[in-house]
Amino acid sequence: MNTEVTIHTASEADLHALVHLAVAFRDHVGQSTPSAEEFCASIAMLLHEASAEFFLASTPTGAAVGYVQCRYRYSAWMLALEAELEDVFVVRGVRRRGVGQRLVVFAMARATAKGCRSLGLSTNERNIEAVTLYQRLGFVADCARWQGGRQLWLQRTLAPA
């Protein structure tokens, strides 16, 4: 069963809905930070950057039920823009009803229209539903650039300067 939603590129008018969803995502993954106020400040800033876009899924009644944050950067390896899905989140009540898939497909179309040559994302390998969705949409963990092998996202927290 699919949930009827419309998806659009978010603007400043959508800030409150995006903050609400980001807080719900934070809570879903068991984190306590950033605060709603910190999300508000950072999302407001990102809404004005050309290197970031948010895509918002809303029901016919106007309820925001999911979002994707997409980041863009030029790659010397791809000789073109690459896109990264930084956040993909759907509220619990409408999960497994096609909303996440439609958000990712929307992001793929937007990245293609911007001239991106690749689209990447990271997710926890134990998030089977998400991994299954991404694989169904053609995402792979094997890296074609360097003779196979799984692509890993490694991260280190840095102390403030």
Foldseek 3Di string as FASTA:
>chain_A
DAADKDKDWDAPVCLVLVLVQVVVVCVVVPHDDDDSVVSSVVVNVQRPDPQKIKMWIAHPVGRTFWMWIKGWDQDPVVNWIEIETEDTDGDPVRPPRCPSLVRVVVVVVVCVVRVHPYYYYDDDPVPVVVVVSVVVVPDDQWDPVPPTDGNDDDDDDDDDD
